[in-house]
Structures are given as C-alpha cells and as structure tokens.
Amino acid sequence: MSRLMSRLQDEARIVCGVSANLAKQYGWSLLWTRVVTMGLVITNPGISLAAYFIVAVVMSQKTSRF
C-alpha cells in the first residue's frame, strides 16, 4: 500500500500527465487530484476518459507552442 501511495504522490507521468499538470497549475494536492480522476473514470468511464484525453491533447499543444 505504501508503494501505491508513493507512486500516486510522485510527479512523474502515469498515463498522460494530465493530473500532475492540473495539480501543479492550480496548486492542488497531486494525490487527491489523481484519486478524484480515478473516481470519475470508475463511475463514468466513457465521458471521463474522453475528457481526460481531450485535456491531454490540449495541454500538449499548449506546452509545445512555447
């Protein structure tokens, strides 16, 4: 369990880095941002995963311009 907690708090990208970037941008806890993201994906996978990957594409375009 401690390995999972340390992995969730690590700033490395797990899938696309959306949760890490959102937590960093808004000053949120990375652990809770990932927990909420996973909760949304589990309760409503279709819309949540679509939104996650749309945000990932938008964030990658935003950072590649500069």
PDB file of N, CA and C in Angstrom:
ATOM      1  N   MET A   1       0.818  -1.194   0.000  1.00  0.00           N
ATOM      2  CA  MET A   1       0.000   0.000   0.000  1.00  0.00           C
ATOM      3  C   MET A   1       0.862   1.259   0.000  1.00  0.00           C
ATOM      4  N   SER A   2       1.970   1.224   0.737  1.00  0.00           N
ATOM      5  CA  SER A   2       2.834   2.404   0.770  1.00  0.00           C
ATOM      6  C   SER A   2       3.482   2.654  -0.592  1.00  0.00           C
ATOM      7  N   ARG A   3       3.728   1.583  -1.345  1.00  0.00           N
ATOM      8  CA  ARG A   3       4.294   1.741  -2.688  1.00  0.00           C
ATOM      9  C   ARG A   3       3.295   2.443  -3.611  1.00  0.00           C
ATOM     10  N   LEU A   4       2.017   2.081  -3.482  1.00  0.00           N
ATOM     11  CA  LEU A   4       0.973   2.718  -4.277  1.00  0.00           C
ATOM     12  C   LEU A   4       0.842   4.186  -3.909  1.00  0.00           C
ATOM     13  N   MET A   5       0.851   4.496  -2.626  1.00  0.00           N
ATOM     14  CA  MET A   5       0.739   5.881  -2.181  1.00  0.00           C
ATOM     15  C   MET A   5       1.927   6.719  -2.661  1.00  0.00           C
ATOM     16  N   SER A   6       3.128   6.167  -2.599  1.00  0.00           N
ATOM     17  CA  SER A   6       4.291   6.917  -3.058  1.00  0.00           C
ATOM     18  C   SER A   6       4.246   7.115  -4.569  1.00  0.00           C
ATOM     19  N   ARG A   7       3.717   6.138  -5.301  1.00  0.00           N
ATOM     20  CA  ARG A   7       3.591   6.264  -6.758  1.00  0.00           C
ATOM     21  C   ARG A   7       2.560   7.329  -7.124  1.00  0.00           C
ATOM     22  N   LEU A   8       1.466   7.405  -6.368  1.00  0.00           N
ATOM     23  CA  LEU A   8       0.435   8.400  -6.645  1.00  0.00           C
ATOM     24  C   LEU A   8       0.898   9.816  -6.314  1.00  0.00           C
ATOM     25  N   GLN A   9       1.825   9.956  -5.366  1.00  0.00           N
ATOM     26  CA  GLN A   9       2.315  11.273  -4.986  1.00  0.00           C
ATOM     27  C   GLN A   9       3.519  11.709  -5.813  1.00  0.00           C
ATOM     28  N   ASP A  10       4.073  10.799  -6.601  1.00  0.00           N
ATOM     29  CA  ASP A  10       5.212  11.116  -7.450  1.00  0.00           C
ATOM     30  C   ASP A  10       4.749  11.984  -8.613  1.00  0.00           C
ATOM     31  N   GLU A  11       5.523  12.984  -8.966  1.00  0.00           N
ATOM     32  CA  GLU A  11       5.125  13.901 -10.024  1.00  0.00           C
ATOM     33  C   GLU A  11       5.350  13.346 -11.424  1.00  0.00           C
ATOM     34  N   ALA A  12       5.858  12.136 -11.531  1.00  0.00           N
ATOM     35  CA  ALA A  12       6.066  11.533 -12.843  1.00  0.00           C
ATOM     36  C   ALA A  12       4.717  11.233 -13.488  1.00  0.00           C
ATOM     37  N   ARG A  13       4.734  11.201 -14.795  1.00  0.00           N
ATOM     38  CA  ARG A  13       3.513  10.922 -15.536  1.00  0.00           C
ATOM     39  C   ARG A  13       3.124   9.458 -15.365  1.00  0.00           C
ATOM     40  N   ILE A  14       1.847   9.215 -15.095  1.00  0.00           N
ATOM     41  CA  ILE A  14       1.366   7.840 -15.019  1.00  0.00           C
ATOM     42  C   ILE A  14       0.782   7.453 -16.372  1.00  0.00           C
ATOM     43  N   VAL A  15      -0.099   8.270 -16.936  1.00  0.00           N
ATOM     44  CA  VAL A  15      -0.650   7.990 -18.262  1.00  0.00           C
ATOM     45  C   VAL A  15      -0.243   9.114 -19.208  1.00  0.00           C
ATOM     46  N   CYS A  16      -0.859  10.265 -19.084  1.00  0.00           N
ATOM     47  CA  CYS A  16      -0.532  11.405 -19.957  1.00  0.00           C
ATOM     48  C   CYS A  16      -0.054  12.627 -19.183  1.00  0.00           C
ATOM     49  N   GLY A  17      -0.061  12.575 -17.886  1.00  0.00           N
ATOM     50  CA  GLY A  17       0.387  13.700 -17.077  1.00  0.00           C
ATOM     51  C   GLY A  17      -0.663  14.760 -16.841  1.00  0.00           C
ATOM     52  N   VAL A  18      -1.918  14.463 -17.152  1.00  0.00           N
ATOM     53  CA  VAL A  18      -2.984  15.446 -17.001  1.00  0.00           C
ATOM     54  C   VAL A  18      -3.179  15.814 -15.531  1.00  0.00           C
ATOM     55  N   SER A  19      -3.277  14.836 -14.670  1.00  0.00           N
ATOM     56  CA  SER A  19      -3.497  15.115 -13.252  1.00  0.00           C
ATOM     57  C   SER A  19      -2.327  15.890 -12.649  1.00  0.00           C
ATOM     58  N   ALA A  20      -1.124  15.510 -13.016  1.00  0.00           N
ATOM     59  CA  ALA A  20       0.055  16.208 -12.487  1.00  0.00           C
ATOM     60  C   ALA A  20       0.079  17.663 -12.951  1.00  0.00           C
ATOM     61  N   ASN A  21      -0.243  17.898 -14.217  1.00  0.00           N
ATOM     62  CA  ASN A  21      -0.242  19.270 -14.725  1.00  0.00           C
ATOM     63  C   ASN A  21      -1.356  20.106 -14.108  1.00  0.00           C
ATOM     64  N   LEU A  22      -2.553  19.525 -13.950  1.00  0.00           N
ATOM     65  CA  LEU A  22      -3.647  20.258 -13.320  1.00  0.00           C
ATOM     66  C   LEU A  22      -3.338  20.585 -11.865  1.00  0.00           C
ATOM     67  N   ALA A  23      -2.795  19.617 -11.138  1.00  0.00           N
ATOM     68  CA  ALA A  23      -2.450  19.850  -9.736  1.00  0.00           C
ATOM     69  C   ALA A  23      -1.384  20.935  -9.611  1.00  0.00           C
ATOM     70  N   LYS A  24      -0.410  20.901 -10.486  1.00  0.00           N
ATOM     71  CA  LYS A  24       0.668  21.896 -10.451  1.00  0.00           C
ATOM     72  C   LYS A  24       0.149  23.287 -10.822  1.00  0.00           C
ATOM     73  N   GLN A  25      -0.695  23.345 -11.835  1.00  0.00           N
ATOM     74  CA  GLN A  25      -1.210  24.627 -12.325  1.00  0.00           C
ATOM     75  C   GLN A  25      -2.113  25.307 -11.303  1.00  0.00           C
ATOM     76  N   TYR A  26      -2.947  24.540 -10.613  1.00  0.00           N
ATOM     77  CA  TYR A  26      -3.921  25.122  -9.692  1.00  0.00           C
ATOM     78  C   TYR A  26      -3.515  24.996  -8.216  1.00  0.00           C
ATOM     79  N   GLY A  27      -2.375  24.400  -7.935  1.00  0.00           N
ATOM     80  CA  GLY A  27      -1.904  24.291  -6.567  1.00  0.00           C
ATOM     81  C   GLY A  27      -2.635  23.237  -5.751  1.00  0.00           C
ATOM     82  N   TRP A  28      -3.177  22.228  -6.405  1.00  0.00           N
ATOM     83  CA  TRP A  28      -3.903  21.160  -5.727  1.00  0.00           C
ATOM     84  C   TRP A  28      -2.934  20.064  -5.300  1.00  0.00           C
ATOM     85  N   SER A  29      -3.383  19.233  -4.390  1.00  0.00           N
ATOM     86  CA  SER A  29      -2.628  18.057  -3.985  1.00  0.00           C
ATOM     87  C   SER A  29      -2.643  17.047  -5.131  1.00  0.00           C
ATOM     88  N   LEU A  30      -1.474  16.562  -5.505  1.00  0.00           N
ATOM     89  CA  LEU A  30      -1.379  15.615  -6.606  1.00  0.00           C
ATOM     90  C   LEU A  30      -2.086  14.308  -6.278  1.00  0.00           C
ATOM     91  N   LEU A  31      -1.937  13.852  -5.052  1.00  0.00           N
ATOM     92  CA  LEU A  31      -2.590  12.605  -4.634  1.00  0.00           C
ATOM     93  C   LEU A  31      -4.102  12.709  -4.802  1.00  0.00           C
ATOM     94  N   TRP A  32      -4.706  13.777  -4.281  1.00  0.00           N
ATOM     95  CA  TRP A  32      -6.154  13.906  -4.348  1.00  0.00           C
ATOM     96  C   TRP A  32      -6.644  14.185  -5.758  1.00  0.00           C
ATOM     97  N   THR A  33      -5.855  14.863  -6.550  1.00  0.00           N
ATOM     98  CA  THR A  33      -6.233  15.070  -7.949  1.00  0.00           C
ATOM     99  C   THR A  33      -6.307  13.743  -8.671  1.00  0.00           C
ATOM    100  N   ARG A  34      -5.338  12.864  -8.430  1.00  0.00           N
ATOM    101  CA  ARG A  34      -5.364  11.540  -9.066  1.00  0.00           C
ATOM    102  C   ARG A  34      -6.485  10.670  -8.512  1.00  0.00           C
ATOM    103  N   VAL A  35      -6.770  10.773  -7.224  1.00  0.00           N
ATOM    104  CA  VAL A  35      -7.856   9.993  -6.628  1.00  0.00           C
ATOM    105  C   VAL A  35      -9.198  10.421  -7.218  1.00  0.00           C
ATOM    106  N   VAL A  36      -9.425  11.715  -7.329  1.00  0.00           N
ATOM    107  CA  VAL A  36     -10.680  12.213  -7.913  1.00  0.00           C
ATOM    108  C   VAL A  36     -10.782  11.808  -9.381  1.00  0.00           C
ATOM    109  N   THR A  37      -9.688  11.904 -10.121  1.00  0.00           N
ATOM    110  CA  THR A  37      -9.689  11.499 -11.527  1.00  0.00           C
ATOM    111  C   THR A  37     -10.055  10.029 -11.666  1.00  0.00           C
ATOM    112  N   MET A  38      -9.470   9.186 -10.848  1.00  0.00           N
ATOM    113  CA  MET A  38      -9.781   7.758 -10.916  1.00  0.00           C
ATOM    114  C   MET A  38     -11.222   7.491 -10.497  1.00  0.00           C
ATOM    115  N   GLY A  39     -11.725   8.224  -9.521  1.00  0.00           N
ATOM    116  CA  GLY A  39     -13.120   8.076  -9.112  1.00  0.00           C
ATOM    117  C   GLY A  39     -14.072   8.415 -10.240  1.00  0.00           C
ATOM    118  N   LEU A  40     -13.751   9.481 -10.974  1.00  0.00           N
ATOM    119  CA  LEU A  40     -14.584   9.852 -12.118  1.00  0.00           C
ATOM    120  C   LEU A  40     -14.515   8.810 -13.227  1.00  0.00           C
ATOM    121  N   VAL A  41     -13.339   8.269 -13.461  1.00  0.00           N
ATOM    122  CA  VAL A  41     -13.185   7.261 -14.510  1.00  0.00           C
ATOM    123  C   VAL A  41     -13.937   5.984 -14.137  1.00  0.00           C
ATOM    124  N   ILE A  42     -13.919   5.618 -12.873  1.00  0.00           N
ATOM    125  CA  ILE A  42     -14.614   4.402 -12.447  1.00  0.00           C
ATOM    126  C   ILE A  42     -16.128   4.577 -12.500  1.00  0.00           C
ATOM    127  N   THR A  43     -16.634   5.744 -12.092  1.00  0.00           N
ATOM    128  CA  THR A  43     -18.083   5.946 -12.062  1.00  0.00           C
ATOM    129  C   THR A  43     -18.673   6.241 -13.428  1.00  0.00           C
ATOM    130  N   ASN A  44     -17.933   6.904 -14.300  1.00  0.00           N
ATOM    131  CA  ASN A  44     -18.444   7.242 -15.627  1.00  0.00           C
ATOM    132  C   ASN A  44     -17.296   7.151 -16.631  1.00  0.00           C
ATOM    133  N   PRO A  45     -16.933   5.943 -17.041  1.00  0.00           N
ATOM    134  CA  PRO A  45     -15.719   5.764 -17.841  1.00  0.00           C
ATOM    135  C   PRO A  45     -15.752   6.407 -19.222  1.00  0.00           C
ATOM    136  N   GLY A  46     -16.849   6.381 -19.904  1.00  0.00           N
ATOM    137  CA  GLY A  46     -16.893   6.904 -21.274  1.00  0.00           C
ATOM    138  C   GLY A  46     -16.570   8.381 -21.362  1.00  0.00           C
ATOM    139  N   ILE A  47     -17.332   9.172 -20.648  1.00  0.00           N
ATOM    140  CA  ILE A  47     -17.152  10.632 -20.692  1.00  0.00           C
ATOM    141  C   ILE A  47     -15.842  11.037 -20.026  1.00  0.00           C
ATOM    142  N   SER A  48     -15.514  10.396 -18.911  1.00  0.00           N
ATOM    143  CA  SER A  48     -14.300  10.761 -18.173  1.00  0.00           C
ATOM    144  C   SER A  48     -13.037  10.493 -18.986  1.00  0.00           C
ATOM    145  N   LEU A  49     -12.969   9.338 -19.632  1.00  0.00           N
ATOM    146  CA  LEU A  49     -11.779   9.030 -20.434  1.00  0.00           C
ATOM    147  C   LEU A  49     -11.684   9.928 -21.659  1.00  0.00           C
ATOM    148  N   ALA A  50     -12.827  10.220 -22.280  1.00  0.00           N
ATOM    149  CA  ALA A  50     -12.819  11.131 -23.425  1.00  0.00           C
ATOM    150  C   ALA A  50     -12.328  12.515 -22.997  1.00  0.00           C
ATOM    151  N   ALA A  51     -12.853  13.016 -21.882  1.00  0.00           N
ATOM    152  CA  ALA A  51     -12.426  14.324 -21.381  1.00  0.00           C
ATOM    153  C   ALA A  51     -10.953  14.313 -20.998  1.00  0.00           C
ATOM    154  N   TYR A  52     -10.487  13.225 -20.389  1.00  0.00           N
ATOM    155  CA  TYR A  52      -9.089  13.109 -19.979  1.00  0.00           C
ATOM    156  C   TYR A  52      -8.159  13.233 -21.190  1.00  0.00           C
ATOM    157  N   PHE A  53      -8.468  12.501 -22.249  1.00  0.00           N
ATOM    158  CA  PHE A  53      -7.584  12.536 -23.406  1.00  0.00           C
ATOM    159  C   PHE A  53      -7.719  13.828 -24.215  1.00  0.00           C
ATOM    160  N   ILE A  54      -8.883  14.461 -24.188  1.00  0.00           N
ATOM    161  CA  ILE A  54      -9.021  15.781 -24.818  1.00  0.00           C
ATOM    162  C   ILE A  54      -8.164  16.799 -24.077  1.00  0.00           C
ATOM    163  N   VAL A  55      -8.219  16.764 -22.743  1.00  0.00           N
ATOM    164  CA  VAL A  55      -7.374  17.667 -21.945  1.00  0.00           C
ATOM    165  C   VAL A  55      -5.900  17.371 -22.196  1.00  0.00           C
ATOM    166  N   ALA A  56      -5.546  16.102 -22.342  1.00  0.00           N
ATOM    167  CA  ALA A  56      -4.148  15.736 -22.614  1.00  0.00           C
ATOM    168  C   ALA A  56      -3.683  16.325 -23.938  1.00  0.00           C
ATOM    169  N   VAL A  57      -4.517  16.261 -24.964  1.00  0.00           N
ATOM    170  CA  VAL A  57      -4.150  16.814 -26.273  1.00  0.00           C
ATOM    171  C   VAL A  57      -4.038  18.328 -26.199  1.00  0.00           C
ATOM    172  N   VAL A  58      -4.994  18.968 -25.530  1.00  0.00           N
ATOM    173  CA  VAL A  58      -4.964  20.432 -25.411  1.00  0.00           C
ATOM    174  C   VAL A  58      -3.738  20.877 -24.626  1.00  0.00           C
ATOM    175  N   MET A  59      -3.416  20.172 -23.545  1.00  0.00           N
ATOM    176  CA  MET A  59      -2.251  20.537 -22.735  1.00  0.00           C
ATOM    177  C   MET A  59      -0.953  20.337 -23.516  1.00  0.00           C
ATOM    178  N   SER A  60      -0.877  19.288 -24.319  1.00  0.00           N
ATOM    179  CA  SER A  60       0.349  19.052 -25.082  1.00  0.00           C
ATOM    180  C   SER A  60       0.513  20.105 -26.168  1.00  0.00           C
ATOM    181  N   GLN A  61      -0.582  20.556 -26.762  1.00  0.00           N
ATOM    182  CA  GLN A  61      -0.489  21.624 -27.760  1.00  0.00           C
ATOM    183  C   GLN A  61      -0.120  22.947 -27.118  1.00  0.00           C
ATOM    184  N   LYS A  62      -0.654  23.181 -25.917  1.00  0.00           N
ATOM    185  CA  LYS A  62      -0.370  24.414 -25.205  1.00  0.00           C
ATOM    186  C   LYS A  62       1.108  24.514 -24.830  1.00  0.00           C
ATOM    187  N   THR A  63       1.709  23.411 -24.392  1.00  0.00           N
ATOM    188  CA  THR A  63       3.104  23.448 -23.983  1.00  0.00           C
ATOM    189  C   THR A  63       4.060  23.392 -25.181  1.00  0.00           C
ATOM    190  N   SER A  64       3.627  22.835 -26.305  1.00  0.00           N
ATOM    191  CA  SER A  64       4.532  22.737 -27.446  1.00  0.00           C
ATOM    192  C   SER A  64       4.660  24.051 -28.209  1.00  0.00           C
ATOM    193  N   ARG A  65       3.748  24.984 -27.987  1.00  0.00           N
ATOM    194  CA  ARG A  65       3.824  26.282 -28.680  1.00  0.00           C
ATOM    195  C   ARG A  65       4.935  27.167 -28.149  1.00  0.00           C
ATOM    196  N   PHE A  66       5.324  26.966 -26.905  1.00  0.00           N
ATOM    197  CA  PHE A  66       6.297  27.875 -26.286  1.00  0.00           C
ATOM    198  C   PHE A  66       7.644  27.296 -26.301  1.00  0.00           C
TER     199      PHE A  66
END
